[in-house]
């Protein structure tokens, strides 16, 4: 996924200002595609100059007034083209896994504590996702859009569940290592 496509998606869901977009990224899209505020504002300028979005007209334009953007037909077409294109999965890159591999040859100082830290973070994230699911996807939320958005949330829930299980297993393995393993 690319940032322009994430922004087009968010703007099709709801026309927004740059500030509103950054807040929405922090609360939803950012769970699986993060971007800094500067990246979002820079991309809004590119999308506008490429004719994919436009600033909504205001009744009384004023200096410093925040602009809200909407997607133009060319932006919708680009998002549809990108959505329909096939993409191969990307290989996972995770520094924790690389650090574990390195720890096997240089020693495990600090790794167990970091595994516990990661476990706590994943447990917290899972609880947050489950709260979103409870709040936003209860009975009666079965439109096509709701069902697809729920699939995205379920991916997050399943990934966090995987990490919690794997980290718990890894910590169990560390507990069984001989005392002289460093």
C-alpha atoms as a PDB file:
ATOM      1  CA  UNK A   1       0.000   0.000   0.000  1.00  0.00           C
ATOM      2  CA  UNK A   2       1.162   3.496  -0.586  1.00  0.00           C
ATOM      3  CA  UNK A   3       0.402   6.680   1.251  1.00  0.00           C
ATOM      4  CA  UNK A   4      -1.427   8.300  -1.695  1.00  0.00           C
ATOM      5  CA  UNK A   5      -3.822   5.354  -1.813  1.00  0.00           C
ATOM      6  CA  UNK A   6      -4.360   5.459   1.953  1.00  0.00           C
ATOM      7  CA  UNK A   7      -5.217   9.171   1.695  1.00  0.00           C
ATOM      8  CA  UNK A   8      -7.541   8.633  -1.272  1.00  0.00           C
ATOM      9  CA  UNK A   9      -9.327   5.900   0.698  1.00  0.00           C
ATOM     10  CA  UNK A  10      -9.713   8.117   3.763  1.00  0.00           C
ATOM     11  CA  UNK A  11     -10.983  11.064   1.692  1.00  0.00           C
ATOM     12  CA  UNK A  12     -13.503   8.886  -0.140  1.00  0.00           C
ATOM     13  CA  UNK A  13     -14.795   7.720   3.223  1.00  0.00           C
ATOM     14  CA  UNK A  14     -15.113  11.347   4.348  1.00  0.00           C
ATOM     15  CA  UNK A  15     -13.798  14.615   2.855  1.00  0.00           C
ATOM     16  CA  UNK A  16     -11.385  16.039   5.425  1.00  0.00           C
ATOM     17  CA  UNK A  17      -8.803  18.687   6.145  1.00  0.00           C
ATOM     18  CA  UNK A  18      -5.158  17.736   6.557  1.00  0.00           C
ATOM     19  CA  UNK A  19      -5.500  17.982  10.330  1.00  0.00           C
ATOM     20  CA  UNK A  20      -8.600  15.777  10.335  1.00  0.00           C
ATOM     21  CA  UNK A  21      -6.769  13.258   8.139  1.00  0.00           C
ATOM     22  CA  UNK A  22      -3.800  13.091  10.496  1.00  0.00           C
ATOM     23  CA  UNK A  23      -6.174  12.506  13.418  1.00  0.00           C
ATOM     24  CA  UNK A  24      -7.974   9.760  11.483  1.00  0.00           C
ATOM     25  CA  UNK A  25      -4.636   8.150  10.641  1.00  0.00           C
ATOM     26  CA  UNK A  26      -3.769   8.200  14.341  1.00  0.00           C
ATOM     27  CA  UNK A  27      -7.104   6.517  15.215  1.00  0.00           C
ATOM     28  CA  UNK A  28      -7.672   4.012  12.415  1.00  0.00           C
ATOM     29  CA  UNK A  29      -5.666   3.768   9.198  1.00  0.00           C
ATOM     30  CA  UNK A  30      -2.484   4.297  11.194  1.00  0.00           C
ATOM     31  CA  UNK A  31      -2.962   0.904  12.820  1.00  0.00           C
ATOM     32  CA  UNK A  32      -1.819  -0.696   9.571  1.00  0.00           C
ATOM     33  CA  UNK A  33      -0.357   2.158   7.503  1.00  0.00           C
ATOM     34  CA  UNK A  34       1.361   4.896   9.448  1.00  0.00           C
ATOM     35  CA  UNK A  35       2.446   8.313   8.226  1.00  0.00           C
ATOM     36  CA  UNK A  36       3.736  11.461   9.852  1.00  0.00           C
ATOM     37  CA  UNK A  37       1.742  14.671   9.686  1.00  0.00           C
ATOM     38  CA  UNK A  38       4.377  16.137   7.327  1.00  0.00           C
ATOM     39  CA  UNK A  39       4.082  13.140   4.982  1.00  0.00           C
ATOM     40  CA  UNK A  40       0.299  13.504   4.866  1.00  0.00           C
ATOM     41  CA  UNK A  41       0.418  17.245   4.115  1.00  0.00           C
ATOM     42  CA  UNK A  42       3.121  16.761   1.470  1.00  0.00           C
ATOM     43  CA  UNK A  43       1.088  14.002  -0.189  1.00  0.00           C
ATOM     44  CA  UNK A  44      -2.081  16.118  -0.136  1.00  0.00           C
ATOM     45  CA  UNK A  45      -0.193  18.748  -2.157  1.00  0.00           C
ATOM     46  CA  UNK A  46       0.980  16.129  -4.667  1.00  0.00           C
ATOM     47  CA  UNK A  47      -2.463  14.587  -5.024  1.00  0.00           C
ATOM     48  CA  UNK A  48      -3.964  18.039  -5.582  1.00  0.00           C
ATOM     49  CA  UNK A  49      -1.346  19.036  -8.173  1.00  0.00           C
ATOM     50  CA  UNK A  50      -1.859  15.660  -9.936  1.00  0.00           C
ATOM     51  CA  UNK A  51      -5.595  16.398 -10.219  1.00  0.00           C
ATOM     52  CA  UNK A  52      -6.668  13.489  -8.012  1.00  0.00           C
ATOM     53  CA  UNK A  53      -8.151  15.597  -5.193  1.00  0.00           C
ATOM     54  CA  UNK A  54      -9.265  19.188  -4.776  1.00  0.00           C
ATOM     55  CA  UNK A  55      -9.733  21.577  -1.933  1.00  0.00           C
ATOM     56  CA  UNK A  56     -13.403  22.131  -1.263  1.00  0.00           C
ATOM     57  CA  UNK A  57     -14.542  25.674  -1.951  1.00  0.00           C
ATOM     58  CA  UNK A  58     -15.281  27.789   1.119  1.00  0.00           C
ATOM     59  CA  UNK A  59     -17.860  30.544   1.410  1.00  0.00           C
ATOM     60  CA  UNK A  60     -15.449  33.029   2.934  1.00  0.00           C
ATOM     61  CA  UNK A  61     -11.839  32.095   2.215  1.00  0.00           C
ATOM     62  CA  UNK A  62      -9.502  33.398   4.873  1.00  0.00           C
ATOM     63  CA  UNK A  63      -5.780  33.237   5.324  1.00  0.00           C
ATOM     64  CA  UNK A  64      -4.781  30.335   7.571  1.00  0.00           C
ATOM     65  CA  UNK A  65      -8.159  28.638   7.188  1.00  0.00           C
ATOM     66  CA  UNK A  66      -7.841  24.882   6.985  1.00  0.00           C
ATOM     67  CA  UNK A  67      -8.692  23.386   3.608  1.00  0.00           C
ATOM     68  CA  UNK A  68     -10.891  20.331   3.321  1.00  0.00           C
ATOM     69  CA  UNK A  69     -10.258  17.988   0.420  1.00  0.00           C
ATOM     70  CA  UNK A  70     -12.398  15.674  -1.648  1.00  0.00           C
ATOM     71  CA  UNK A  71     -11.483  13.031  -4.213  1.00  0.00           C
ATOM     72  CA  UNK A  72     -12.002  13.859  -7.877  1.00  0.00           C
ATOM     73  CA  UNK A  73     -13.084  11.256 -10.461  1.00  0.00           C
ATOM     74  CA  UNK A  74      -9.439  10.770 -11.511  1.00  0.00           C
ATOM     75  CA  UNK A  75      -8.555   9.990  -7.880  1.00  0.00           C
ATOM     76  CA  UNK A  76     -11.376   7.457  -7.588  1.00  0.00           C
ATOM     77  CA  UNK A  77     -10.228   5.859 -10.851  1.00  0.00           C
ATOM     78  CA  UNK A  78      -6.619   5.665  -9.594  1.00  0.00           C
ATOM     79  CA  UNK A  79      -7.743   4.058  -6.342  1.00  0.00           C
ATOM     80  CA  UNK A  80      -9.926   1.565  -8.240  1.00  0.00           C
ATOM     81  CA  UNK A  81      -7.004   0.737 -10.573  1.00  0.00           C
ATOM     82  CA  UNK A  82      -4.665   0.206  -7.632  1.00  0.00           C
ATOM     83  CA  UNK A  83      -7.224  -1.862  -5.700  1.00  0.00           C
ATOM     84  CA  UNK A  84      -7.800  -4.177  -8.677  1.00  0.00           C
ATOM     85  CA  UNK A  85      -4.064  -4.716  -9.333  1.00  0.00           C
ATOM     86  CA  UNK A  86      -2.470  -7.878  -7.999  1.00  0.00           C
ATOM     87  CA  UNK A  87       0.371  -7.607  -5.484  1.00  0.00           C
ATOM     88  CA  UNK A  88       2.577 -10.319  -4.048  1.00  0.00           C
ATOM     89  CA  UNK A  89       2.929 -10.446  -0.260  1.00  0.00           C
ATOM     90  CA  UNK A  90       5.949  -8.632   1.106  1.00  0.00           C
ATOM     91  CA  UNK A  91       8.441 -10.595   3.205  1.00  0.00           C
ATOM     92  CA  UNK A  92       8.243  -9.801   6.899  1.00  0.00           C
ATOM     93  CA  UNK A  93      10.968  -7.563   8.290  1.00  0.00           C
ATOM     94  CA  UNK A  94      11.029  -7.492  12.051  1.00  0.00           C
ATOM     95  CA  UNK A  95      13.973  -6.212  14.083  1.00  0.00           C
ATOM     96  CA  UNK A  96      12.992  -8.368  17.079  1.00  0.00           C
ATOM     97  CA  UNK A  97      13.338 -11.551  15.034  1.00  0.00           C
ATOM     98  CA  UNK A  98      16.681 -10.416  13.664  1.00  0.00           C
ATOM     99  CA  UNK A  99      17.849  -9.544  17.189  1.00  0.00           C
ATOM    100  CA  UNK A 100      16.845 -13.027  18.377  1.00  0.00           C
ATOM    101  CA  UNK A 101      18.864 -14.576  15.556  1.00  0.00           C
ATOM    102  CA  UNK A 102      21.848 -12.445  16.575  1.00  0.00           C
ATOM    103  CA  UNK A 103      21.334 -13.321  20.250  1.00  0.00           C
ATOM    104  CA  UNK A 104      21.787 -16.982  19.361  1.00  0.00           C
ATOM    105  CA  UNK A 105      25.411 -16.217  18.476  1.00  0.00           C
ATOM    106  CA  UNK A 106      26.366 -13.275  20.742  1.00  0.00           C
ATOM    107  CA  UNK A 107      24.277 -13.864  23.880  1.00  0.00           C
ATOM    108  CA  UNK A 108      20.800 -13.046  25.072  1.00  0.00           C
ATOM    109  CA  UNK A 109      21.390 -10.124  27.450  1.00  0.00           C
ATOM    110  CA  UNK A 110      18.287  -7.913  27.432  1.00  0.00           C
ATOM    111  CA  UNK A 111      16.294 -10.065  25.029  1.00  0.00           C
ATOM    112  CA  UNK A 112      13.986 -11.691  27.568  1.00  0.00           C
ATOM    113  CA  UNK A 113      13.018  -8.314  29.027  1.00  0.00           C
ATOM    114  CA  UNK A 114      12.337  -7.011  25.532  1.00  0.00           C
ATOM    115  CA  UNK A 115      10.166 -10.059  24.762  1.00  0.00           C
ATOM    116  CA  UNK A 116       8.114  -9.239  27.863  1.00  0.00           C
ATOM    117  CA  UNK A 117       7.866  -5.609  26.748  1.00  0.00           C
ATOM    118  CA  UNK A 118       6.664  -6.662  23.286  1.00  0.00           C
ATOM    119  CA  UNK A 119       4.149  -9.036  24.851  1.00  0.00           C
ATOM    120  CA  UNK A 120       2.679  -6.214  26.947  1.00  0.00           C
ATOM    121  CA  UNK A 121       2.451  -3.955  23.874  1.00  0.00           C
ATOM    122  CA  UNK A 122       0.691  -6.630  21.806  1.00  0.00           C
ATOM    123  CA  UNK A 123      -1.725  -7.395  24.650  1.00  0.00           C
ATOM    124  CA  UNK A 124      -2.565  -3.697  24.890  1.00  0.00           C
ATOM    125  CA  UNK A 125      -3.076  -3.426  21.124  1.00  0.00           C
ATOM    126  CA  UNK A 126      -5.284  -6.532  21.071  1.00  0.00           C
ATOM    127  CA  UNK A 127      -7.453  -5.066  23.832  1.00  0.00           C
ATOM    128  CA  UNK A 128      -7.786  -1.842  21.831  1.00  0.00           C
ATOM    129  CA  UNK A 129      -8.778  -3.714  18.661  1.00  0.00           C
ATOM    130  CA  UNK A 130     -11.302  -5.811  20.585  1.00  0.00           C
ATOM    131  CA  UNK A 131     -12.821  -2.638  22.031  1.00  0.00           C
ATOM    132  CA  UNK A 132     -13.126  -1.171  18.524  1.00  0.00           C
ATOM    133  CA  UNK A 133     -14.758  -4.394  17.349  1.00  0.00           C
ATOM    134  CA  UNK A 134     -17.218  -4.360  20.256  1.00  0.00           C
ATOM    135  CA  UNK A 135     -18.020  -0.661  19.764  1.00  0.00           C
ATOM    136  CA  UNK A 136     -18.153  -0.449  15.970  1.00  0.00           C
ATOM    137  CA  UNK A 137     -19.112  -3.878  14.632  1.00  0.00           C
ATOM    138  CA  UNK A 138     -22.047  -5.087  16.646  1.00  0.00           C
ATOM    139  CA  UNK A 139     -25.302  -6.545  15.361  1.00  0.00           C
ATOM    140  CA  UNK A 140     -26.790  -4.765  12.360  1.00  0.00           C
ATOM    141  CA  UNK A 141     -23.419  -3.665  10.966  1.00  0.00           C
ATOM    142  CA  UNK A 142     -23.503  -5.908   7.928  1.00  0.00           C
ATOM    143  CA  UNK A 143     -23.316  -3.626   4.905  1.00  0.00           C
ATOM    144  CA  UNK A 144     -20.610  -4.535   2.401  1.00  0.00           C
ATOM    145  CA  UNK A 145     -18.476  -1.608   3.626  1.00  0.00           C
ATOM    146  CA  UNK A 146     -18.907  -2.650   7.278  1.00  0.00           C
ATOM    147  CA  UNK A 147     -18.035  -6.264   6.515  1.00  0.00           C
ATOM    148  CA  UNK A 148     -14.880  -5.343   4.596  1.00  0.00           C
ATOM    149  CA  UNK A 149     -13.750  -2.866   7.251  1.00  0.00           C
ATOM    150  CA  UNK A 150     -14.373  -5.549   9.865  1.00  0.00           C
ATOM    151  CA  UNK A 151     -12.135  -7.919   7.861  1.00  0.00           C
ATOM    152  CA  UNK A 152      -9.311  -5.381   8.157  1.00  0.00           C
ATOM    153  CA  UNK A 153      -9.886  -5.124  11.908  1.00  0.00           C
ATOM    154  CA  UNK A 154      -9.999  -8.936  12.185  1.00  0.00           C
ATOM    155  CA  UNK A 155      -6.588  -9.076  10.493  1.00  0.00           C
ATOM    156  CA  UNK A 156      -5.261  -6.805  13.239  1.00  0.00           C
ATOM    157  CA  UNK A 157      -6.899  -8.922  15.946  1.00  0.00           C
ATOM    158  CA  UNK A 158      -5.536 -12.137  14.441  1.00  0.00           C
ATOM    159  CA  UNK A 159      -2.017 -10.679  14.073  1.00  0.00           C
ATOM    160  CA  UNK A 160      -1.983  -9.495  17.682  1.00  0.00           C
ATOM    161  CA  UNK A 161      -3.281 -12.894  18.794  1.00  0.00           C
ATOM    162  CA  UNK A 162      -0.484 -14.554  16.813  1.00  0.00           C
ATOM    163  CA  UNK A 163       2.194 -12.312  18.373  1.00  0.00           C
ATOM    164  CA  UNK A 164       0.857 -12.877  21.884  1.00  0.00           C
ATOM    165  CA  UNK A 165       0.941 -16.650  21.365  1.00  0.00           C
ATOM    166  CA  UNK A 166       4.400 -16.585  19.788  1.00  0.00           C
ATOM    167  CA  UNK A 167       5.872 -14.268  22.437  1.00  0.00           C
ATOM    168  CA  UNK A 168       4.387 -16.413  25.224  1.00  0.00           C
ATOM    169  CA  UNK A 169       5.969 -19.476  23.607  1.00  0.00           C
ATOM    170  CA  UNK A 170       9.313 -17.668  23.157  1.00  0.00           C
ATOM    171  CA  UNK A 171       9.331 -16.613  26.817  1.00  0.00           C
ATOM    172  CA  UNK A 172       8.634 -20.227  27.781  1.00  0.00           C
ATOM    173  CA  UNK A 173      11.631 -21.313  25.680  1.00  0.00           C
ATOM    174  CA  UNK A 174      13.807 -18.709  27.387  1.00  0.00           C
ATOM    175  CA  UNK A 175      12.672 -20.060  30.763  1.00  0.00           C
ATOM    176  CA  UNK A 176      13.947 -23.519  29.761  1.00  0.00           C
ATOM    177  CA  UNK A 177      17.365 -22.400  28.483  1.00  0.00           C
ATOM    178  CA  UNK A 178      20.351 -23.616  30.510  1.00  0.00           C
ATOM    179  CA  UNK A 179      21.801 -21.046  32.889  1.00  0.00           C
ATOM    180  CA  UNK A 180      25.006 -20.752  30.857  1.00  0.00           C
ATOM    181  CA  UNK A 181      23.299 -19.933  27.555  1.00  0.00           C
ATOM    182  CA  UNK A 182      24.927 -16.477  27.262  1.00  0.00           C
END
